[in-house]
Amino acid sequence: MLEKPAFIQGLFAYQGRGLGSPVPFQPSVTYTVPPDKRAQTIYFRAGNAAAEMIYLVLTRNGKPMRYFPVGAKGAIHVPLAVVEDLSPESRIEVLVAAPEGLESSVLVDAGFMEIA
């Protein structure tokens, strides 16, 4: 079994549409599992520069998979103990939910392990 790490990493700007309305980043923040592999999400880290709480939603093929609240001017690190297989060609996207009109940035570092 050959394993290879893959990541979503970067500082991403957003404008909040309300805590009940998670939206994609512009441009979108995604990872697609290669067609000849499966993958697992291993960890998720995020840092919130805003003075208000936000949350990030990890989606798989458009459906919510995991929710990550990030406190005001705070950070989280979640080593995932419950690991599920992501099928080949699954599209993983990070969405953001923030108070209406809030404009800020969030640092995201998500780790995946691709498995042959």
N, C-alpha and C. Protein backbone atom coordinates (compact mmCIF):
# COMPACT_ATOMS: atom_id res chain seq x y z
N MET A 1 0.85 -1.17 0.00
CA MET A 1 0.00 0.00 0.00
C MET A 1 0.90 1.24 0.00
N LEU A 2 0.78 2.07 -1.04
CA LEU A 2 1.54 3.31 -1.13
C LEU A 2 0.68 4.46 -0.62
N GLU A 3 1.23 5.21 0.32
CA GLU A 3 0.52 6.36 0.87
C GLU A 3 1.23 7.63 0.47
N LYS A 4 0.45 8.68 0.21
CA LYS A 4 1.01 9.97 -0.17
C LYS A 4 0.18 11.07 0.47
N PRO A 5 0.82 12.02 1.15
CA PRO A 5 0.05 13.10 1.75
C PRO A 5 -0.41 14.11 0.71
N ALA A 6 -1.54 14.75 1.00
CA ALA A 6 -2.07 15.84 0.18
C ALA A 6 -2.65 16.87 1.15
N PHE A 7 -2.71 18.12 0.72
CA PHE A 7 -3.10 19.18 1.65
C PHE A 7 -3.99 20.22 0.99
N ILE A 8 -4.80 20.87 1.80
CA ILE A 8 -5.42 22.15 1.47
C ILE A 8 -4.75 23.12 2.43
N GLN A 9 -4.05 24.11 1.91
CA GLN A 9 -3.33 25.05 2.76
C GLN A 9 -3.42 26.45 2.17
N GLY A 10 -3.62 27.43 3.04
CA GLY A 10 -3.59 28.81 2.58
C GLY A 10 -4.35 29.75 3.48
N LEU A 11 -4.21 31.02 3.18
CA LEU A 11 -4.94 32.09 3.85
C LEU A 11 -6.04 32.52 2.89
N PHE A 12 -7.29 32.42 3.34
CA PHE A 12 -8.42 32.63 2.46
C PHE A 12 -9.34 33.73 3.01
N ALA A 13 -9.64 34.71 2.15
CA ALA A 13 -10.52 35.81 2.53
C ALA A 13 -11.98 35.39 2.35
N TYR A 14 -12.85 36.01 3.14
CA TYR A 14 -14.28 35.71 3.04
C TYR A 14 -15.11 36.92 3.44
N GLN A 15 -16.37 36.87 3.06
CA GLN A 15 -17.37 37.83 3.53
C GLN A 15 -18.54 37.01 4.05
N GLY A 16 -18.88 37.21 5.33
CA GLY A 16 -19.93 36.43 5.96
C GLY A 16 -21.31 36.70 5.39
N ARG A 17 -22.10 35.66 5.31
CA ARG A 17 -23.49 35.76 4.85
C ARG A 17 -24.46 35.35 5.98
N GLY A 18 -23.92 35.18 7.18
CA GLY A 18 -24.72 34.75 8.32
C GLY A 18 -24.25 33.39 8.80
N LEU A 19 -24.34 33.16 10.12
CA LEU A 19 -23.86 31.89 10.67
C LEU A 19 -24.68 30.70 10.19
N GLY A 20 -25.89 30.94 9.74
CA GLY A 20 -26.71 29.84 9.23
C GLY A 20 -26.53 29.60 7.74
N SER A 21 -25.60 30.32 7.12
CA SER A 21 -25.44 30.24 5.66
C SER A 21 -23.98 30.04 5.25
N PRO A 22 -23.45 28.82 5.41
CA PRO A 22 -22.08 28.58 4.94
C PRO A 22 -21.99 28.76 3.43
N VAL A 23 -20.90 29.41 2.99
CA VAL A 23 -20.71 29.69 1.56
C VAL A 23 -19.30 29.27 1.14
N PRO A 24 -19.12 28.99 -0.16
CA PRO A 24 -17.78 28.68 -0.66
C PRO A 24 -16.90 29.92 -0.64
N PHE A 25 -15.62 29.71 -0.52
CA PHE A 25 -14.66 30.80 -0.70
C PHE A 25 -14.63 31.14 -2.18
N GLN A 26 -14.17 32.34 -2.49
CA GLN A 26 -14.00 32.77 -3.89
C GLN A 26 -12.55 33.14 -4.11
N PRO A 27 -11.77 32.41 -4.88
CA PRO A 27 -12.12 31.16 -5.55
C PRO A 27 -12.29 30.01 -4.56
N SER A 28 -12.90 28.94 -5.01
CA SER A 28 -13.22 27.82 -4.13
C SER A 28 -11.95 27.15 -3.59
N VAL A 29 -12.09 26.58 -2.40
CA VAL A 29 -10.99 25.90 -1.72
C VAL A 29 -11.34 24.41 -1.74
N THR A 30 -10.65 23.66 -2.61
CA THR A 30 -11.03 22.27 -2.85
C THR A 30 -9.83 21.32 -2.92
N TYR A 31 -10.14 20.06 -2.78
CA TYR A 31 -9.20 18.96 -3.01
C TYR A 31 -10.03 17.85 -3.66
N THR A 32 -9.51 17.26 -4.73
CA THR A 32 -10.19 16.15 -5.40
C THR A 32 -9.31 14.91 -5.29
N VAL A 33 -9.89 13.83 -4.80
CA VAL A 33 -9.17 12.57 -4.67
C VAL A 33 -8.83 12.08 -6.08
N PRO A 34 -7.57 11.68 -6.32
CA PRO A 34 -7.20 11.17 -7.65
C PRO A 34 -8.07 9.97 -8.03
N PRO A 35 -8.29 9.78 -9.34
CA PRO A 35 -9.18 8.70 -9.80
C PRO A 35 -8.69 7.29 -9.48
N ASP A 36 -7.39 7.14 -9.24
CA ASP A 36 -6.85 5.81 -8.98
C ASP A 36 -6.52 5.58 -7.50
N LYS A 37 -7.04 6.45 -6.62
CA LYS A 37 -6.75 6.33 -5.18
C LYS A 37 -7.99 6.58 -4.36
N ARG A 38 -7.90 6.25 -3.10
CA ARG A 38 -8.87 6.72 -2.12
C ARG A 38 -8.08 7.55 -1.13
N ALA A 39 -8.75 8.29 -0.29
CA ALA A 39 -8.03 9.16 0.65
C ALA A 39 -8.76 9.18 1.98
N GLN A 40 -8.07 9.69 2.99
CA GLN A 40 -8.65 9.89 4.32
C GLN A 40 -8.22 11.26 4.83
N THR A 41 -9.15 11.95 5.51
CA THR A 41 -8.81 13.21 6.15
C THR A 41 -8.12 12.87 7.46
N ILE A 42 -6.91 13.38 7.66
CA ILE A 42 -6.11 13.04 8.82
C ILE A 42 -6.18 14.11 9.91
N TYR A 43 -6.13 15.38 9.51
CA TYR A 43 -6.21 16.47 10.49
C TYR A 43 -6.78 17.71 9.84
N PHE A 44 -7.19 18.66 10.68
CA PHE A 44 -7.72 19.93 10.20
C PHE A 44 -7.30 21.01 11.19
N ARG A 45 -6.65 22.05 10.66
CA ARG A 45 -6.24 23.20 11.48
C ARG A 45 -6.80 24.46 10.85
N ALA A 46 -7.14 25.41 11.69
CA ALA A 46 -7.62 26.69 11.17
C ALA A 46 -7.33 27.79 12.17
N GLY A 47 -7.07 28.99 11.65
CA GLY A 47 -6.86 30.18 12.47
C GLY A 47 -7.75 31.29 11.97
N ASN A 48 -8.50 31.90 12.88
CA ASN A 48 -9.49 32.91 12.55
C ASN A 48 -8.97 34.29 12.96
N ALA A 49 -8.81 35.19 12.00
CA ALA A 49 -8.30 36.54 12.27
C ALA A 49 -9.39 37.48 12.77
N ALA A 50 -10.66 37.11 12.63
CA ALA A 50 -11.77 38.00 12.97
C ALA A 50 -12.04 38.05 14.47
N ALA A 51 -12.69 39.11 14.90
CA ALA A 51 -13.07 39.29 16.30
C ALA A 51 -14.41 38.62 16.60
N GLU A 52 -14.89 37.77 15.70
CA GLU A 52 -16.14 37.03 15.88
C GLU A 52 -15.89 35.56 15.56
N MET A 53 -16.68 34.68 16.19
CA MET A 53 -16.57 33.26 15.89
C MET A 53 -17.07 33.00 14.47
N ILE A 54 -16.41 32.05 13.80
CA ILE A 54 -16.85 31.55 12.50
C ILE A 54 -16.85 30.03 12.58
N TYR A 55 -17.32 29.38 11.54
CA TYR A 55 -17.08 27.94 11.45
C TYR A 55 -16.83 27.57 10.00
N LEU A 56 -16.10 26.48 9.83
CA LEU A 56 -15.76 25.95 8.51
C LEU A 56 -16.47 24.61 8.36
N VAL A 57 -16.92 24.34 7.16
CA VAL A 57 -17.61 23.09 6.86
C VAL A 57 -16.82 22.36 5.78
N LEU A 58 -16.41 21.15 6.07
CA LEU A 58 -15.76 20.30 5.08
C LEU A 58 -16.87 19.52 4.39
N THR A 59 -17.00 19.69 3.07
CA THR A 59 -18.05 18.98 2.34
C THR A 59 -17.43 17.93 1.42
N ARG A 60 -18.21 16.89 1.17
CA ARG A 60 -17.80 15.86 0.22
C ARG A 60 -18.88 15.79 -0.85
N ASN A 61 -18.50 16.10 -2.08
CA ASN A 61 -19.44 16.10 -3.21
C ASN A 61 -20.69 16.93 -2.89
N GLY A 62 -20.47 18.08 -2.25
CA GLY A 62 -21.55 19.02 -1.97
C GLY A 62 -22.33 18.78 -0.70
N LYS A 63 -22.02 17.71 0.05
CA LYS A 63 -22.75 17.42 1.28
C LYS A 63 -21.85 17.62 2.49
N PRO A 64 -22.36 18.26 3.55
CA PRO A 64 -21.53 18.48 4.75
C PRO A 64 -20.99 17.17 5.32
N MET A 65 -19.71 17.21 5.68
CA MET A 65 -19.04 16.03 6.22
C MET A 65 -18.59 16.28 7.65
N ARG A 66 -17.97 17.44 7.89
CA ARG A 66 -17.47 17.82 9.22
C ARG A 66 -17.63 19.32 9.42
N TYR A 67 -17.86 19.73 10.67
CA TYR A 67 -17.98 21.14 11.04
C TYR A 67 -16.86 21.48 12.02
N PHE A 68 -16.23 22.65 11.83
CA PHE A 68 -15.12 23.08 12.67
C PHE A 68 -15.35 24.52 13.14
N PRO A 69 -15.82 24.71 14.38
CA PRO A 69 -15.96 26.07 14.89
C PRO A 69 -14.59 26.65 15.23
N VAL A 70 -14.41 27.93 14.91
CA VAL A 70 -13.14 28.60 15.21
C VAL A 70 -13.48 29.89 15.96
N GLY A 71 -13.03 29.98 17.20
CA GLY A 71 -13.35 31.13 18.04
C GLY A 71 -12.77 32.43 17.52
N ALA A 72 -13.27 33.52 18.08
CA ALA A 72 -12.81 34.86 17.73
C ALA A 72 -11.30 34.97 17.96
N LYS A 73 -10.59 35.42 16.94
CA LYS A 73 -9.13 35.53 17.00
C LYS A 73 -8.50 34.29 17.61
N GLY A 74 -9.03 33.15 17.19
CA GLY A 74 -8.57 31.88 17.76
C GLY A 74 -8.12 30.91 16.69
N ALA A 75 -7.67 29.76 17.17
CA ALA A 75 -7.20 28.71 16.28
C ALA A 75 -7.62 27.35 16.82
N ILE A 76 -7.69 26.37 15.92
CA ILE A 76 -8.01 25.00 16.32
C ILE A 76 -7.06 24.04 15.62
N HIS A 77 -6.84 22.91 16.25
CA HIS A 77 -6.12 21.80 15.62
C HIS A 77 -6.89 20.55 16.00
N VAL A 78 -7.38 19.83 15.00
CA VAL A 78 -8.18 18.64 15.25
C VAL A 78 -7.53 17.45 14.56
N PRO A 79 -6.81 16.59 15.34
CA PRO A 79 -6.36 15.32 14.76
C PRO A 79 -7.59 14.40 14.71
N LEU A 80 -7.96 13.94 13.56
CA LEU A 80 -9.22 13.21 13.42
C LEU A 80 -9.07 11.75 13.84
N ALA A 81 -9.80 11.38 14.88
CA ALA A 81 -9.78 10.01 15.38
C ALA A 81 -10.73 9.13 14.59
N VAL A 82 -11.81 9.72 14.10
CA VAL A 82 -12.76 8.98 13.26
C VAL A 82 -12.39 9.30 11.81
N VAL A 83 -11.83 8.33 11.13
CA VAL A 83 -11.34 8.52 9.76
C VAL A 83 -12.19 7.68 8.83
N GLU A 84 -12.71 8.32 7.78
CA GLU A 84 -13.53 7.60 6.82
C GLU A 84 -12.88 7.67 5.45
N ASP A 85 -13.10 6.65 4.65
CA ASP A 85 -12.54 6.63 3.30
C ASP A 85 -13.27 7.63 2.40
N LEU A 86 -12.49 8.33 1.60
CA LEU A 86 -13.01 9.21 0.56
C LEU A 86 -12.78 8.48 -0.76
N SER A 87 -13.83 8.23 -1.46
CA SER A 87 -13.76 7.45 -2.71
C SER A 87 -12.99 8.20 -3.79
N PRO A 88 -12.46 7.46 -4.78
CA PRO A 88 -11.81 8.11 -5.90
C PRO A 88 -12.71 9.18 -6.51
N GLU A 89 -12.10 10.28 -6.89
CA GLU A 89 -12.76 11.42 -7.52
C GLU A 89 -13.74 12.17 -6.62
N SER A 90 -13.73 11.89 -5.31
CA SER A 90 -14.53 12.69 -4.38
C SER A 90 -14.00 14.11 -4.39
N ARG A 91 -14.92 15.07 -4.38
CA ARG A 91 -14.53 16.48 -4.35
C ARG A 91 -14.78 17.02 -2.94
N ILE A 92 -13.70 17.42 -2.30
CA ILE A 92 -13.76 17.98 -0.95
C ILE A 92 -13.66 19.49 -1.07
N GLU A 93 -14.58 20.21 -0.42
CA GLU A 93 -14.56 21.67 -0.47
C GLU A 93 -14.74 22.21 0.93
N VAL A 94 -14.06 23.32 1.22
CA VAL A 94 -14.20 24.00 2.51
C VAL A 94 -15.12 25.20 2.31
N LEU A 95 -16.17 25.26 3.14
CA LEU A 95 -17.08 26.41 3.15
C LEU A 95 -16.87 27.19 4.45
N VAL A 96 -17.28 28.44 4.46
CA VAL A 96 -17.15 29.27 5.65
C VAL A 96 -18.51 29.87 6.01
N ALA A 97 -18.79 29.92 7.31
CA ALA A 97 -19.99 30.60 7.81
C ALA A 97 -19.51 31.63 8.83
N ALA A 98 -19.97 32.87 8.63
CA ALA A 98 -19.56 33.98 9.50
C ALA A 98 -20.73 34.95 9.62
N PRO A 99 -20.73 35.78 10.67
CA PRO A 99 -21.80 36.75 10.81
C PRO A 99 -21.96 37.60 9.55
N GLU A 100 -23.21 37.96 9.27
CA GLU A 100 -23.56 38.76 8.09
C GLU A 100 -22.65 39.99 7.96
N GLY A 101 -22.01 40.14 6.78
CA GLY A 101 -21.19 41.31 6.49
C GLY A 101 -19.77 41.28 7.02
N LEU A 102 -19.43 40.30 7.86
CA LEU A 102 -18.07 40.22 8.40
C LEU A 102 -17.10 39.91 7.27
N GLU A 103 -16.05 40.71 7.14
CA GLU A 103 -15.01 40.46 6.15
C GLU A 103 -13.70 40.23 6.89
N SER A 104 -13.06 39.10 6.60
CA SER A 104 -11.80 38.77 7.26
C SER A 104 -11.12 37.67 6.46
N SER A 105 -10.16 37.01 7.11
CA SER A 105 -9.43 35.90 6.50
C SER A 105 -9.31 34.78 7.51
N VAL A 106 -9.17 33.57 7.00
CA VAL A 106 -8.95 32.40 7.84
C VAL A 106 -7.81 31.58 7.23
N LEU A 107 -6.94 31.11 8.09
CA LEU A 107 -5.85 30.24 7.67
C LEU A 107 -6.32 28.80 7.79
N VAL A 108 -6.18 28.03 6.72
CA VAL A 108 -6.64 26.64 6.71
C VAL A 108 -5.46 25.74 6.37
N ASP A 109 -5.34 24.64 7.11
CA ASP A 109 -4.35 23.60 6.85
C ASP A 109 -5.04 22.26 7.10
N ALA A 110 -5.45 21.61 6.03
CA ALA A 110 -6.12 20.31 6.14
C ALA A 110 -5.23 19.26 5.50
N GLY A 111 -5.05 18.16 6.20
CA GLY A 111 -4.19 17.08 5.72
C GLY A 111 -4.96 15.84 5.34
N PHE A 112 -4.62 15.28 4.21
CA PHE A 112 -5.24 14.07 3.70
C PHE A 112 -4.15 13.03 3.42
N MET A 113 -4.51 11.77 3.47
CA MET A 113 -3.60 10.70 3.09
C MET A 113 -4.21 9.95 1.93
N GLU A 114 -3.53 9.99 0.78
CA GLU A 114 -3.98 9.25 -0.38
C GLU A 114 -3.44 7.82 -0.29
N ILE A 115 -4.28 6.87 -0.59
CA ILE A 115 -3.93 5.46 -0.47
C ILE A 115 -4.18 4.77 -1.80
N ALA A 116 -3.18 4.05 -2.28
CA ALA A 116 -3.31 3.36 -3.58
C ALA A 116 -4.20 2.17 -3.47
